[in-house]
Amino acid sequence: MDVARPLPAYLVQRFHGWRATTYQDNKAWFRRLAESGQHPRAMVISCCDSRVHVTSIFGADEGEFFIHRNVANLVPPYSPDGTYHGTSAAVEYAVTSLGVAHIVVLGHSNCGGVKGCHDMCMGHAPALEEKTSFVGRWMDILRPGFERVKDLPDADRPRALEKEAVLVSLENLMSFPFVRDAVQGECLTLHGLWNDTGAGSLEHYDPLRGFVPV
């Protein structure tokens, strides 16, 4: 079945603009990356949200970050059951093949996925409870985080749950044997960040102090 259609004109125009400027100015660098392969120093796991622009936040160039994006920047627990695991596959490749030195989990404000989990756990989103909901079943990963913040005031709970999405992911990363071995062998470090997209601020998770400004 032929479902593909021509690229929208504005994307075609932007590509030609990039090709004529950024690529032409850095042609040698792009060719070097293509020929020598990628050697990123860090993996960043961030949300699909279009407002979270990882490379802009850190001023990163091509080849610096191995970036994986999914709904609510979640990492599921280690579960080698023979089914499809896109995020787990990305983590495995980053650690065992690319040998990244850091994994950064980047959460953010006003996350729609986290809001969906919050509403579902509060009983306000029956559609997400359905077995056929891909979003709902994915957000089940965050239910342990909801249990930790469910008694907070209504106004504080959503943002706290966004930060729990980061913490749950860090906890689940350590359930992967190859991640745990790399961390314990001091070849890999894990980091949790939360970005307020409106304020342009960044917070880093400190085990002793919680999330603190960067």
Protein backbone atom coordinates (compact mmCIF):
# COMPACT_ATOMS: atom_id res chain seq x y z
CA MET A 1 0.00 0.00 0.00
CA ASP A 2 1.46 3.32 -1.09
CA VAL A 3 0.89 5.80 1.74
CA ALA A 4 3.93 8.08 1.39
CA ARG A 5 3.40 11.57 0.04
CA PRO A 6 5.79 14.31 -1.13
CA LEU A 7 7.56 16.25 1.59
CA PRO A 8 5.80 19.50 2.59
CA ALA A 9 7.21 22.50 0.75
CA TYR A 10 8.39 24.28 3.91
CA LEU A 11 10.53 21.28 4.86
CA VAL A 12 12.01 21.12 1.37
CA GLN A 13 12.89 24.82 1.60
CA ARG A 14 14.46 24.40 5.02
CA PHE A 15 16.54 21.46 3.82
CA HIS A 16 17.92 23.43 0.88
CA GLY A 17 18.67 26.32 3.24
CA TRP A 18 20.56 24.01 5.62
CA ARG A 19 22.42 22.37 2.74
CA ALA A 20 23.52 25.74 1.36
CA THR A 21 24.66 27.15 4.71
CA THR A 22 25.36 24.85 7.66
CA TYR A 23 26.40 21.87 5.59
CA GLN A 24 28.54 23.84 3.14
CA ASP A 25 30.30 25.64 5.99
CA ASN A 26 31.03 22.35 7.78
CA LYS A 27 31.31 19.88 4.91
CA ALA A 28 34.60 18.41 6.07
CA TRP A 29 33.24 17.78 9.56
CA PHE A 30 30.12 16.04 8.25
CA ARG A 31 32.21 13.84 5.98
CA ARG A 32 34.55 12.97 8.82
CA LEU A 33 31.58 11.93 10.98
CA ALA A 34 30.18 9.83 8.16
CA GLU A 35 33.46 8.05 7.52
CA SER A 36 34.73 7.56 11.08
CA GLY A 37 31.40 6.71 12.71
CA GLN A 38 29.82 8.22 15.79
CA HIS A 39 31.56 8.50 19.14
CA PRO A 40 29.13 10.39 21.38
CA ARG A 41 30.18 11.10 24.93
CA ALA A 42 26.66 10.98 26.33
CA MET A 43 23.24 9.50 25.73
CA VAL A 44 20.28 11.80 26.39
CA ILE A 45 16.83 10.34 27.00
CA SER A 46 14.27 13.09 26.56
CA CYS A 47 10.59 13.57 25.86
CA CYS A 48 9.08 13.65 22.35
CA ASP A 49 7.66 17.07 23.23
CA SER A 50 8.57 19.54 20.47
CA ARG A 51 9.38 22.22 23.06
CA VAL A 52 12.32 20.23 24.43
CA HIS A 53 15.29 20.97 22.15
CA VAL A 54 18.16 18.97 23.56
CA THR A 55 20.92 20.15 21.25
CA SER A 56 19.99 23.80 21.71
CA ILE A 57 19.91 23.55 25.51
CA PHE A 58 23.46 22.20 25.61
CA GLY A 59 24.80 23.88 22.48
CA ALA A 60 25.69 20.48 21.04
CA ASP A 61 27.11 19.82 17.61
CA GLU A 62 26.48 16.81 15.39
CA GLY A 63 28.04 13.67 16.80
CA GLU A 64 28.08 14.78 20.45
CA PHE A 65 24.89 13.19 21.79
CA PHE A 66 23.18 9.88 21.20
CA ILE A 67 19.58 11.03 21.66
CA HIS A 68 16.55 8.87 22.33
CA ARG A 69 13.12 10.48 22.62
CA ASN A 70 9.91 8.91 23.84
CA VAL A 71 6.72 9.89 25.64
CA ALA A 72 7.62 11.42 29.04
CA ASN A 73 11.33 10.46 28.83
CA LEU A 74 10.65 7.12 30.51
CA VAL A 75 12.90 4.09 30.76
CA PRO A 76 11.04 0.82 31.40
CA PRO A 77 12.41 -1.83 33.76
CA TYR A 78 14.76 -4.44 32.30
CA SER A 79 12.49 -7.04 30.72
CA PRO A 80 14.12 -9.36 28.15
CA ASP A 81 10.86 -11.02 27.05
CA GLY A 82 11.47 -11.18 23.33
CA THR A 83 9.02 -8.42 22.39
CA TYR A 84 9.60 -4.91 21.03
CA HIS A 85 11.58 -2.58 23.30
CA GLY A 86 12.72 0.56 21.49
CA THR A 87 14.00 2.42 24.54
CA SER A 88 15.74 -0.62 25.99
CA ALA A 89 17.37 -1.27 22.61
CA ALA A 90 18.65 2.32 22.49
CA VAL A 91 20.10 2.02 26.00
CA GLU A 92 21.75 -1.30 25.17
CA TYR A 93 23.33 0.09 22.01
CA ALA A 94 24.53 3.27 23.74
CA VAL A 95 26.19 1.39 26.60
CA THR A 96 27.46 -1.82 25.01
CA SER A 97 28.31 -0.63 21.49
CA LEU A 98 28.98 3.10 21.71
CA GLY A 99 30.42 3.05 25.22
CA VAL A 100 28.91 6.36 26.27
CA ALA A 101 30.32 7.83 29.47
CA HIS A 102 27.06 9.42 30.64
CA ILE A 103 23.33 8.81 30.41
CA VAL A 104 21.19 11.89 31.01
CA VAL A 105 17.44 11.61 31.61
CA LEU A 106 15.87 14.98 30.80
CA GLY A 107 12.36 15.71 32.04
CA HIS A 108 10.46 18.94 31.48
CA SER A 109 7.58 21.16 32.57
CA ASN A 110 4.01 20.80 31.30
CA CYS A 111 4.62 17.28 30.04
CA GLY A 112 1.51 15.91 28.35
CA GLY A 113 2.48 12.30 28.95
CA VAL A 114 2.98 12.88 32.66
CA LYS A 115 -0.34 14.72 32.83
CA GLY A 116 -1.98 11.72 31.20
CA CYS A 117 -0.47 9.42 33.84
CA HIS A 118 -1.61 11.78 36.59
CA ASP A 119 -5.17 11.88 35.25
CA MET A 120 -5.22 8.11 34.72
CA CYS A 121 -4.00 7.37 38.25
CA MET A 122 -6.57 9.83 39.64
CA GLY A 123 -9.34 8.00 37.76
CA HIS A 124 -10.01 10.89 35.39
CA ALA A 125 -8.81 9.31 32.13
CA PRO A 126 -10.72 6.07 31.49
CA ALA A 127 -9.55 5.94 27.86
CA LEU A 128 -5.97 5.56 29.06
CA GLU A 129 -7.00 2.63 31.24
CA GLU A 130 -8.00 0.63 28.17
CA LYS A 131 -5.67 -2.22 27.23
CA THR A 132 -5.63 -0.85 23.68
CA SER A 133 -4.13 2.50 24.75
CA PHE A 134 -0.46 2.59 23.85
CA VAL A 135 -0.01 5.81 25.83
CA GLY A 136 -1.75 4.42 28.89
CA ARG A 137 0.25 1.21 28.97
CA TRP A 138 3.48 3.16 28.47
CA MET A 139 2.59 5.53 31.28
CA ASP A 140 2.05 2.55 33.60
CA ILE A 141 5.83 2.74 33.99
CA LEU A 142 5.32 5.91 36.04
CA ARG A 143 2.73 4.50 38.45
CA PRO A 144 5.36 3.86 41.18
CA GLY A 145 6.27 7.54 40.95
CA PHE A 146 2.63 8.56 41.33
CA GLU A 147 2.39 6.50 44.51
CA ARG A 148 5.21 8.60 45.98
CA VAL A 149 3.53 11.94 45.26
CA LYS A 150 -0.19 11.12 45.45
CA ASP A 151 -0.60 12.73 48.88
CA LEU A 152 0.84 16.10 47.83
CA PRO A 153 -1.47 19.11 47.37
CA ASP A 154 -3.23 19.16 44.00
CA ALA A 155 -1.24 22.18 42.84
CA ASP A 156 2.12 20.55 43.58
CA ARG A 157 1.46 17.00 42.40
CA PRO A 158 1.81 17.40 38.58
CA ARG A 159 5.25 19.01 38.70
CA ALA A 160 6.42 16.55 41.33
CA LEU A 161 5.29 13.73 39.06
CA GLU A 162 7.31 15.19 36.18
CA LYS A 163 10.39 14.91 38.35
CA GLU A 164 9.36 11.41 39.41
CA ALA A 165 9.45 10.46 35.73
CA VAL A 166 13.16 11.25 35.83
CA LEU A 167 13.74 9.35 39.06
CA VAL A 168 11.77 6.27 37.99
CA SER A 169 13.81 6.18 34.79
CA LEU A 170 17.09 6.40 36.70
CA GLU A 171 15.95 3.58 38.97
CA ASN A 172 14.92 1.45 36.01
CA LEU A 173 18.21 2.07 34.24
CA MET A 174 19.98 0.40 37.13
CA SER A 175 17.87 -2.73 36.56
CA PHE A 176 19.75 -3.31 33.27
CA PRO A 177 22.74 -5.57 34.08
CA PHE A 178 25.05 -3.88 31.57
CA VAL A 179 24.16 -0.43 32.91
CA ARG A 180 24.66 -1.52 36.50
CA ASP A 181 28.01 -3.13 35.69
CA ALA A 182 29.21 -0.02 33.85
CA VAL A 183 28.15 2.26 36.71
CA GLN A 184 29.77 0.05 39.33
CA GLY A 185 32.90 -0.18 37.18
CA GLU A 186 33.01 3.64 37.04
CA CYS A 187 32.74 3.62 33.26
CA LEU A 188 29.30 5.23 33.23
CA THR A 189 27.48 7.90 35.23
CA LEU A 190 23.73 8.56 35.34
CA HIS A 191 22.21 12.03 35.60
CA GLY A 192 18.67 13.35 36.11
CA LEU A 193 17.63 16.77 34.83
CA TRP A 194 14.37 18.71 34.70
CA ASN A 195 13.89 21.64 32.33
CA ASP A 196 11.35 24.44 32.84
CA THR A 197 10.72 25.20 29.18
CA GLY A 198 9.01 28.53 29.88
CA ALA A 199 11.59 29.88 32.30
CA GLY A 200 14.56 28.43 30.43
CA SER A 201 15.90 26.94 33.66
CA LEU A 202 17.45 23.56 34.39
CA GLU A 203 17.50 21.52 37.59
CA HIS A 204 19.83 18.65 38.42
CA TYR A 205 18.93 15.78 40.73
CA ASP A 206 21.13 15.53 43.81
CA PRO A 207 20.47 12.42 45.95
CA LEU A 208 20.97 14.47 49.11
CA ARG A 209 19.13 17.67 48.17
CA GLY A 210 16.65 16.64 45.50
CA PHE A 211 16.34 18.74 42.35
CA VAL A 212 18.49 21.85 42.56
CA PRO A 213 19.17 24.64 40.00
CA VAL A 214 22.08 24.15 37.60
